Amino acid sequence: MREAIHSYFRLGTVFFVSYPGAAGSDEELLERLRQFAADDAFEAIELTHIENPAVRKEVIEIVKSACLDVSYAAQGCLLGQKKNLNALDEGERRSAVELMKSCIDEACEMGAESVSFLAGKYEPGKEADAMDALVASVCELCDYMESKGKLRLAIEVFDYDLDKCSLIGPAYRVKELMERVCPLKKNFGALVDLSHIPQIHESVKEAILPVRDYIIQAHMGNCVIKEGCSLRGDLHPRYGYPNSEVDLPMIKEYLETLLEIGFLSKEKRPILSFEVKPFGTDDPKIIMAASKRMLTKAWDLACPQEEYA
């Protein structure tokens, strides 16, 4: 089954989520990266801003030597600096666009094939104006990326009323954005995340089928949404975490749906990344191994061996 899995997508992980200790020091970052790069189950890695130019250069060398494909995740940069690409204040919007351009520059330095990001805050009653602002930001960023080469820009679908409270948002707003931008900009698409689907109060099919033609990247994580429970929100706990939403049948349905729409395919082989975070005494190596086991089980259920082997 390993051959079948790797025939349909390139397995990756959102590195700084899977190895949160890597953000603590340059030494830990490099140690964890070497550990990850030595695992031949993975063909891709999602990186983000690395402040130290010397460390960034060493990271690039490790990734290249490991033959890992790179995607750049700008979500943390936007959230950390509280930037909003759909801000109605033009100065605030321009500041967010400029931050994204610096992320795109860094992504180019890393040899990334895509840059992912999230929309700014969802404010009820201001959706139309916010969408106009977001469209303007995205179109400018797509033009900027086009001048850099073959990079693609992917907006990640987040919750609108639980944690990140992002404009994009439920499937109908994702679709609106895609229909406005994609006819104009061919280097833009959507990033769907299994862990966000329960947070936007949709089923797998409700979240994916309306935007099936626009998905260019995907994440697989977990979440807790039950009131009063530990790690409630967009925190990506391990599979099997108490009161969490994403179980084996849901992962199976996610894979089946992504196969059904042709996103997972031998021709495209897109990046499908884990976004699962260790907490407390969790060992990142064990959590990563458990995630791979869960994926293998779900794939075997979604794709009978005689059909896909």
Protein backbone atom coordinates (compact mmCIF):
# COMPACT_ATOMS: atom_id res chain seq x y z
CA MET A 1 0.00 0.00 0.00
CA ARG A 2 2.94 2.35 0.50
CA GLU A 3 3.43 2.57 -3.27
CA ALA A 4 -0.25 3.30 -3.76
CA ILE A 5 -0.23 6.12 -1.21
CA HIS A 6 2.82 7.78 -2.67
CA SER A 7 1.46 7.45 -6.19
CA TYR A 8 -1.41 9.81 -5.40
CA PHE A 9 0.17 12.56 -3.28
CA ARG A 10 3.36 13.80 -1.69
CA LEU A 11 3.14 13.40 2.06
CA GLY A 12 4.34 16.38 4.10
CA THR A 13 3.92 18.07 7.44
CA VAL A 14 3.55 21.62 8.71
CA PHE A 15 6.96 21.51 10.33
CA PHE A 16 6.72 24.16 13.06
CA VAL A 17 3.39 22.69 14.21
CA SER A 18 4.60 19.09 14.25
CA TYR A 19 7.83 20.13 15.99
CA PRO A 20 6.91 23.16 18.10
CA GLY A 21 10.19 22.96 20.01
CA ALA A 22 11.95 23.91 16.78
CA ALA A 23 10.82 27.50 17.34
CA GLY A 24 12.72 27.63 20.63
CA SER A 25 16.30 27.69 19.37
CA ASP A 26 18.31 27.43 16.18
CA GLU A 27 19.95 24.22 17.45
CA GLU A 28 16.60 22.55 18.10
CA LEU A 29 15.29 23.69 14.73
CA LEU A 30 18.18 22.10 12.87
CA GLU A 31 18.13 18.93 14.98
CA ARG A 32 14.39 18.40 14.44
CA LEU A 33 14.69 19.20 10.74
CA ARG A 34 17.43 16.60 10.25
CA GLN A 35 15.28 14.08 12.10
CA PHE A 36 12.32 14.80 9.87
CA ALA A 37 14.36 14.88 6.67
CA ALA A 38 15.72 11.38 7.39
CA ASP A 39 12.20 9.89 7.22
CA ASP A 40 11.68 8.73 3.64
CA ALA A 41 7.91 8.53 4.10
CA PHE A 42 7.87 12.29 3.54
CA GLU A 43 8.41 14.08 0.25
CA ALA A 44 7.36 17.58 1.31
CA ILE A 45 7.70 20.06 4.16
CA GLU A 46 5.85 23.27 4.99
CA LEU A 47 8.16 25.89 6.43
CA THR A 48 7.65 29.44 7.61
CA HIS A 49 9.70 32.54 8.43
CA ILE A 50 13.19 31.83 9.76
CA GLU A 51 14.71 34.99 11.19
CA ASN A 52 18.40 34.08 11.18
CA PRO A 53 19.78 34.22 7.60
CA ALA A 54 22.58 31.76 8.39
CA VAL A 55 20.14 29.25 9.86
CA ARG A 56 17.78 29.78 6.96
CA LYS A 57 20.61 28.96 4.58
CA GLU A 58 21.41 25.77 6.49
CA VAL A 59 17.73 24.80 6.48
CA ILE A 60 17.63 25.25 2.71
CA GLU A 61 20.69 23.01 2.31
CA ILE A 62 19.18 20.26 4.48
CA VAL A 63 15.89 20.38 2.60
CA LYS A 64 17.68 20.26 -0.75
CA SER A 65 19.90 17.37 0.27
CA ALA A 66 16.82 15.45 1.47
CA CYS A 67 15.02 16.07 -1.86
CA LEU A 68 12.04 17.55 -0.03
CA ASP A 69 9.57 19.76 -1.86
CA VAL A 70 8.81 22.98 0.02
CA SER A 71 5.67 24.95 0.69
CA TYR A 72 5.80 28.19 2.65
CA ALA A 73 3.18 28.89 5.33
CA ALA A 74 2.60 32.60 5.99
CA GLN A 75 -0.37 32.13 8.32
CA GLY A 76 1.72 32.47 11.48
CA CYS A 77 3.38 35.61 10.19
CA LEU A 78 0.04 37.30 9.58
CA LEU A 79 -1.42 36.16 12.90
CA GLY A 80 1.69 37.00 14.89
CA GLN A 81 1.80 40.55 13.58
CA LYS A 82 -2.01 40.92 13.58
CA LYS A 83 -2.14 41.76 9.88
CA ASN A 84 -5.40 41.70 7.97
CA LEU A 85 -5.51 41.35 4.17
CA ASN A 86 -9.19 42.30 4.12
CA ALA A 87 -8.90 45.31 6.43
CA LEU A 88 -11.22 48.14 5.44
CA ASP A 89 -8.60 50.66 6.50
CA GLU A 90 -6.36 51.01 3.45
CA GLY A 91 -3.21 51.56 5.50
CA GLU A 92 -3.80 48.36 7.45
CA ARG A 93 -4.51 46.40 4.27
CA ARG A 94 -1.37 47.70 2.57
CA SER A 95 0.72 46.76 5.60
CA ALA A 96 -0.58 43.17 5.37
CA VAL A 97 0.15 43.04 1.63
CA GLU A 98 3.72 44.21 2.20
CA LEU A 99 4.24 41.57 4.88
CA MET A 100 2.99 38.92 2.47
CA LYS A 101 5.38 40.16 -0.20
CA SER A 102 8.29 39.69 2.20
CA CYS A 103 7.03 36.15 2.89
CA ILE A 104 6.87 35.49 -0.85
CA ASP A 105 10.48 36.69 -1.19
CA GLU A 106 11.56 34.30 1.57
CA ALA A 107 9.57 31.47 -0.02
CA CYS A 108 11.46 32.06 -3.27
CA GLU A 109 14.74 31.90 -1.37
CA MET A 110 13.67 28.54 0.07
CA GLY A 111 12.71 27.19 -3.36
CA ALA A 112 9.05 26.85 -2.37
CA GLU A 113 6.39 25.90 -4.88
CA SER A 114 3.54 27.60 -3.03
CA VAL A 115 2.73 30.13 -0.32
CA SER A 116 -0.29 29.64 1.91
CA PHE A 117 -2.01 32.29 4.04
CA LEU A 118 -5.29 33.11 5.74
CA ALA A 119 -7.81 35.89 5.39
CA GLY A 120 -8.28 38.49 8.09
CA LYS A 121 -11.10 38.75 10.59
CA TYR A 122 -14.71 38.03 9.77
CA GLU A 123 -16.94 40.91 10.86
CA PRO A 124 -20.68 40.26 10.48
CA GLY A 125 -22.34 42.92 8.38
CA LYS A 126 -19.11 43.92 6.64
CA GLU A 127 -18.65 40.80 4.50
CA ALA A 128 -19.11 42.48 1.11
CA ASP A 129 -16.59 45.27 1.70
CA ALA A 130 -14.14 42.86 3.34
CA MET A 131 -14.40 40.51 0.35
CA ASP A 132 -13.68 43.39 -2.02
CA ALA A 133 -10.58 44.27 0.02
CA LEU A 134 -9.43 40.66 0.07
CA VAL A 135 -9.87 40.29 -3.67
CA ALA A 136 -7.72 43.40 -4.20
CA SER A 137 -5.01 42.03 -1.91
CA VAL A 138 -5.00 38.57 -3.48
CA CYS A 139 -4.85 39.91 -7.04
CA GLU A 140 -1.89 42.13 -6.17
CA LEU A 141 -0.09 39.23 -4.48
CA CYS A 142 -0.75 36.92 -7.43
CA ASP A 143 0.79 39.50 -9.76
CA TYR A 144 3.79 39.82 -7.45
CA MET A 145 4.23 36.05 -7.36
CA GLU A 146 3.96 35.77 -11.12
CA SER A 147 6.96 38.08 -11.42
CA LYS A 148 8.90 35.63 -9.24
CA GLY A 149 8.30 32.48 -11.28
CA LYS A 150 5.92 29.54 -10.91
CA LEU A 151 4.87 30.05 -7.29
CA ARG A 152 1.22 29.50 -6.42
CA LEU A 153 -0.79 31.26 -3.73
CA ALA A 154 -3.19 29.22 -1.57
CA ILE A 155 -5.69 30.63 0.90
CA GLU A 156 -6.40 28.28 3.79
CA VAL A 157 -10.00 27.79 4.86
CA PHE A 158 -10.41 28.60 8.56
CA ASP A 159 -13.25 28.91 11.08
CA TYR A 160 -15.31 32.09 11.25
CA ASP A 161 -16.72 31.95 14.80
CA LEU A 162 -14.58 29.74 17.03
CA ASP A 163 -10.88 30.59 17.11
CA LYS A 164 -9.25 32.35 14.16
CA CYS A 165 -12.61 33.87 13.08
CA SER A 166 -11.47 34.35 9.49
CA LEU A 167 -13.48 35.76 6.60
CA ILE A 168 -12.70 32.60 4.61
CA GLY A 169 -14.75 30.90 6.12
CA PRO A 170 -17.54 28.53 5.13
CA ALA A 171 -17.60 26.93 1.69
CA TYR A 172 -19.88 29.49 0.06
CA ARG A 173 -17.47 32.34 0.87
CA VAL A 174 -14.50 30.28 -0.33
CA LYS A 175 -16.36 29.69 -3.58
CA GLU A 176 -17.19 33.38 -3.99
CA LEU A 177 -13.54 34.34 -3.58
CA MET A 178 -12.40 31.66 -6.03
CA GLU A 179 -14.97 32.66 -8.63
CA ARG A 180 -13.87 36.28 -8.42
CA VAL A 181 -10.11 35.72 -8.51
CA CYS A 182 -9.36 32.48 -10.36
CA PRO A 183 -10.63 33.58 -13.80
CA LEU A 184 -8.14 36.45 -13.56
CA LYS A 185 -5.23 34.79 -11.76
CA LYS A 186 -4.16 31.26 -12.64
CA ASN A 187 -1.71 30.96 -9.74
CA PHE A 188 -4.35 31.06 -6.99
CA GLY A 189 -6.36 28.37 -5.23
CA ALA A 190 -7.64 26.99 -1.95
CA LEU A 191 -6.03 25.00 0.84
CA VAL A 192 -8.48 22.77 2.72
CA ASP A 193 -7.75 21.39 6.19
CA LEU A 194 -9.61 18.43 7.64
CA SER A 195 -9.25 19.81 11.16
CA HIS A 196 -11.04 23.02 10.17
CA ILE A 197 -14.09 21.31 8.66
CA PRO A 198 -15.79 20.58 12.01
CA GLN A 199 -14.94 24.12 13.09
CA ILE A 200 -16.93 25.63 10.21
CA HIS A 201 -19.91 23.40 11.02
CA GLU A 202 -19.79 21.54 7.70
CA SER A 203 -19.42 17.92 6.65
CA VAL A 204 -16.46 16.81 4.56
CA LYS A 205 -18.51 16.88 1.38
CA GLU A 206 -20.18 20.19 2.23
CA ALA A 207 -16.76 21.78 2.69
CA ILE A 208 -15.03 20.27 -0.33
CA LEU A 209 -17.47 19.63 -3.19
CA PRO A 210 -18.49 23.31 -3.76
CA VAL A 211 -14.82 24.29 -4.19
CA ARG A 212 -13.60 21.09 -5.82
CA ASP A 213 -12.20 22.87 -8.87
CA TYR A 214 -10.05 25.25 -6.85
CA ILE A 215 -8.24 23.07 -4.29
CA ILE A 216 -4.47 23.05 -4.77
CA GLN A 217 -3.24 21.93 -1.34
CA ALA A 218 -4.57 20.04 1.68
CA HIS A 219 -3.87 19.51 5.38
CA MET A 220 -4.91 16.71 7.72
CA GLY A 221 -5.27 17.52 11.39
CA ASN A 222 -7.59 17.19 14.36
CA CYS A 223 -9.52 19.56 16.60
CA VAL A 224 -11.69 19.85 19.70
CA ILE A 225 -14.83 21.99 19.50
CA LYS A 226 -16.81 20.78 22.50
CA GLU A 227 -17.41 23.53 25.07
CA GLY A 228 -15.31 23.29 28.22
CA CYS A 229 -12.88 20.71 26.85
CA SER A 230 -9.11 20.91 26.89
CA LEU A 231 -7.45 22.21 23.68
CA ARG A 232 -10.75 23.53 22.31
CA GLY A 233 -10.21 25.55 19.15
CA ASP A 234 -7.73 25.48 16.31
CA LEU A 235 -4.91 23.73 18.17
CA HIS A 236 -4.39 20.53 16.14
CA PRO A 237 -4.05 17.87 18.87
CA ARG A 238 -3.02 14.31 18.00
CA TYR A 239 -5.49 11.85 16.57
CA GLY A 240 -7.38 10.11 19.35
CA TYR A 241 -7.19 13.09 21.71
CA PRO A 242 -10.11 13.10 24.21
CA ASN A 243 -13.28 14.73 22.85
CA SER A 244 -11.64 15.44 19.49
CA GLU A 245 -13.58 15.47 16.22
CA VAL A 246 -11.43 13.79 13.58
CA ASP A 247 -11.46 10.00 13.73
CA LEU A 248 -10.61 7.17 11.35
CA PRO A 249 -13.96 7.22 9.48
CA MET A 250 -13.67 10.97 8.92
CA ILE A 251 -10.11 10.68 7.59
CA LYS A 252 -11.33 7.88 5.30
CA GLU A 253 -14.15 10.09 3.99
CA TYR A 254 -11.71 12.98 3.48
CA LEU A 255 -9.38 10.81 1.40
CA GLU A 256 -12.30 9.31 -0.55
CA THR A 257 -13.64 12.78 -1.35
CA LEU A 258 -10.25 14.14 -2.41
CA LEU A 259 -9.87 11.11 -4.69
CA GLU A 260 -13.41 11.52 -6.04
CA ILE A 261 -12.79 15.13 -7.12
CA GLY A 262 -9.44 14.24 -8.69
CA PHE A 263 -7.34 16.27 -6.26
CA LEU A 264 -5.41 13.17 -5.18
CA SER A 265 -4.19 11.71 -8.44
CA LYS A 266 -1.19 10.10 -10.10
CA GLU A 267 -1.00 13.01 -12.54
CA LYS A 268 -1.04 15.86 -9.98
CA ARG A 269 0.54 14.28 -6.89
CA PRO A 270 -0.26 17.34 -4.74
CA ILE A 271 1.10 18.01 -1.27
CA LEU A 272 -1.02 16.54 1.53
CA SER A 273 0.41 17.57 4.90
CA PHE A 274 -0.18 16.54 8.48
CA GLU A 275 -0.89 19.39 10.86
CA VAL A 276 -0.85 17.63 14.21
CA LYS A 277 0.79 19.17 17.26
CA PRO A 278 2.28 17.46 20.33
CA PHE A 279 1.23 18.81 23.72
CA GLY A 280 2.49 18.26 27.24
CA THR A 281 4.52 15.06 27.42
CA ASP A 282 3.78 14.08 23.81
CA ASP A 283 6.90 13.04 21.91
CA PRO A 284 6.87 14.61 18.41
CA LYS A 285 8.44 11.48 16.89
CA ILE A 286 5.70 9.27 18.34
CA ILE A 287 2.91 11.65 17.31
CA MET A 288 4.31 11.73 13.78
CA ALA A 289 4.52 7.93 13.65
CA ALA A 290 0.97 7.63 14.97
CA SER A 291 -0.25 10.06 12.31
CA LYS A 292 1.33 7.97 9.58
CA ARG A 293 -0.28 4.83 10.97
CA MET A 294 -3.68 6.53 11.01
CA LEU A 295 -3.20 7.66 7.41
CA THR A 296 -2.27 4.13 6.30
CA LYS A 297 -5.34 2.67 8.00
CA ALA A 298 -7.62 5.28 6.46
CA TRP A 299 -6.09 4.82 3.01
CA ASP A 300 -6.56 1.06 3.19
CA LEU A 301 -10.24 1.61 4.01
CA ALA A 302 -10.77 4.33 1.40
CA CYS A 303 -8.80 2.60 -1.35
CA PRO A 304 -8.99 -1.21 -1.45
CA GLN A 305 -5.61 -2.67 -2.30
CA GLU A 306 -6.85 -4.52 -5.35
CA GLU A 307 -8.07 -1.22 -6.81
CA TYR A 308 -5.16 1.10 -6.06
CA ALA A 309 -2.11 -1.12 -5.48
